[in-house]
C-alpha atoms as a PDB file:
ATOM      1  CA  MET A   1      85.770 -52.057   7.914  1.00  0.00           C
ATOM      2  CA  ALA A   2      89.296 -50.670   7.548  1.00  0.00           C
ATOM      3  CA  SER A   3      90.347 -49.117   4.528  1.00  0.00           C
ATOM      4  CA  PRO A   4      93.683 -50.464   3.442  1.00  0.00           C
ATOM      5  CA  ASP A   5      97.203 -48.234   3.723  1.00  0.00           C
ATOM      6  CA  ILE A   6      98.818 -50.864   1.455  1.00  0.00           C
ATOM      7  CA  THR A   7     101.999 -49.230   0.021  1.00  0.00           C
ATOM      8  CA  GLN A   8     103.128 -52.239  -2.469  1.00  0.00           C
ATOM      9  CA  TRP A   9     101.553 -54.938  -4.073  1.00  0.00           C
ATOM     10  CA  ASN A  10     102.842 -58.542  -6.855  1.00  0.00           C
ATOM     11  CA  SER A  11     100.149 -60.231  -8.142  1.00  0.00           C
ATOM     12  CA  ARG A  12     101.214 -64.827  -8.552  1.00  0.00           C
ATOM     13  CA  PRO A  13      98.689 -67.059  -9.577  1.00  0.00           C
ATOM     14  CA  ASP A  14      97.350 -69.234  -7.211  1.00  0.00           C
ATOM     15  CA  ALA A  15      95.191 -73.248  -7.158  1.00  0.00           C
ATOM     16  CA  ILE A  16      91.714 -70.529  -7.161  1.00  0.00           C
ATOM     17  CA  GLY A  17      92.937 -67.964 -10.119  1.00  0.00           C
ATOM     18  CA  TRP A  18      94.991 -64.847  -8.753  1.00  0.00           C
ATOM     19  CA  GLY A  19      95.624 -62.351  -6.671  1.00  0.00           C
ATOM     20  CA  ILE A  20      96.725 -59.644  -5.231  1.00  0.00           C
ATOM     21  CA  ALA A  21     100.108 -60.471  -2.209  1.00  0.00           C
ATOM     22  CA  ALA A  22      99.621 -57.157  -0.548  1.00  0.00           C
ATOM     23  CA  PHE A  23     102.303 -55.599   1.763  1.00  0.00           C
ATOM     24  CA  SER A  24     102.198 -52.571   3.536  1.00  0.00           C
ATOM     25  CA  GLY A  25     104.655 -50.564   3.993  1.00  0.00           C
ATOM     26  CA  ARG A  26     106.428 -48.842   6.849  1.00  0.00           C
ATOM     27  CA  SER A  27     103.119 -50.102   9.842  1.00  0.00           C
ATOM     28  CA  ARG A  28     102.744 -53.676  10.981  1.00  0.00           C
ATOM     29  CA  GLU A  29      98.929 -51.990  11.483  1.00  0.00           C
ATOM     30  CA  PRO A  30      97.019 -52.084   7.769  1.00  0.00           C
ATOM     31  CA  ALA A  31      98.335 -55.603   7.333  1.00  0.00           C
ATOM     32  CA  ASP A  32      97.135 -56.716  10.180  1.00  0.00           C
ATOM     33  CA  ARG A  33      93.810 -55.009   9.762  1.00  0.00           C
ATOM     34  CA  LEU A  34      93.253 -55.792   6.235  1.00  0.00           C
ATOM     35  CA  ALA A  35      94.485 -60.221   7.915  1.00  0.00           C
ATOM     36  CA  ALA A  36      92.131 -59.796  10.108  1.00  0.00           C
ATOM     37  CA  GLN A  37      89.099 -59.364   7.571  1.00  0.00           C
ATOM     38  CA  ASP A  38      89.827 -62.123   5.233  1.00  0.00           C
ATOM     39  CA  GLY A  39      91.662 -59.252   3.071  1.00  0.00           C
ATOM     40  CA  LEU A  40      88.758 -58.174   2.125  1.00  0.00           C
ATOM     41  CA  TYR A  41      87.610 -54.361   2.134  1.00  0.00           C
ATOM     42  CA  THR A  42      84.908 -51.749   0.711  1.00  0.00           C
ATOM     43  CA  LEU A  43      84.930 -50.003  -1.561  1.00  0.00           C
ATOM     44  CA  THR A  44      83.373 -46.302  -2.104  1.00  0.00           C
ATOM     45  CA  THR A  45      83.121 -44.511  -5.267  1.00  0.00           C
ATOM     46  CA  ARG A  46      81.366 -40.906  -4.806  1.00  0.00           C
ATOM     47  CA  ALA A  47      78.489 -40.070  -7.294  1.00  0.00           C
ATOM     48  CA  PRO A  48      75.794 -37.542  -8.176  1.00  0.00           C
ATOM     49  CA  ASP A  49      73.140 -40.034  -7.993  1.00  0.00           C
ATOM     50  CA  GLY A  50      74.837 -41.580  -4.532  1.00  0.00           C
ATOM     51  CA  ASP A  51      77.236 -43.290  -2.619  1.00  0.00           C
ATOM     52  CA  HIS A  52      77.588 -46.440  -4.004  1.00  0.00           C
ATOM     53  CA  HIS A  53      79.604 -49.235  -2.141  1.00  0.00           C
ATOM     54  CA  GLY A  54      81.474 -52.640  -3.252  1.00  0.00           C
ATOM     55  CA  VAL A  55      83.121 -55.656  -1.496  1.00  0.00           C
ATOM     56  CA  VAL A  56      86.398 -56.278  -2.403  1.00  0.00           C
ATOM     57  CA  SER A  57      87.811 -59.759  -2.400  1.00  0.00           C
ATOM     58  CA  THR A  58      91.304 -59.931  -4.750  1.00  0.00           C
ATOM     59  CA  ILE A  59      93.960 -59.934  -1.836  1.00  0.00           C
ATOM     60  CA  SER A  60      94.666 -63.363  -1.264  1.00  0.00           C
ATOM     61  CA  ALA A  61      97.425 -62.647   0.308  1.00  0.00           C
ATOM     62  CA  VAL A  62      98.082 -59.694   2.902  1.00  0.00           C
ATOM     63  CA  HIS A  63     102.091 -59.046   5.498  1.00  0.00           C
ATOM     64  CA  ALA A  64     103.896 -55.888   6.968  1.00  0.00           C
ATOM     65  CA  GLY A  65     106.343 -54.938   5.019  1.00  0.00           C
ATOM     66  CA  ASP A  66     109.001 -56.148   7.476  1.00  0.00           C
ATOM     67  CA  ASP A  67     108.425 -59.383   6.092  1.00  0.00           C
ATOM     68  CA  HIS A  68     110.842 -60.250   4.271  1.00  0.00           C
ATOM     69  CA  ALA A  69     110.103 -64.127   3.928  1.00  0.00           C
ATOM     70  CA  ALA A  70     107.351 -64.065   2.526  1.00  0.00           C
ATOM     71  CA  TRP A  71     108.530 -61.608  -0.604  1.00  0.00           C
ATOM     72  CA  LEU A  72     111.254 -64.063  -0.786  1.00  0.00           C
ATOM     73  CA  GLU A  73     108.250 -66.251  -2.014  1.00  0.00           C
ATOM     74  CA  TYR A  74     106.880 -63.416  -4.965  1.00  0.00           C
END
């Protein structure tokens, strides 16, 4: 899975609770990669007893940083 390179975000309520609307920075690529994964990514936490992995599912929308129309919707 691609790791997100999201530099701006905004939260908004949605029909099932809440989520994060993520906007990439200068490059459109991170937004495209994260959108292809339905906004899901893996967070790895390193600890003395080993690595722990969990899927992060709080991103409800992904947009390129230059998507001004999407930005105005939030």
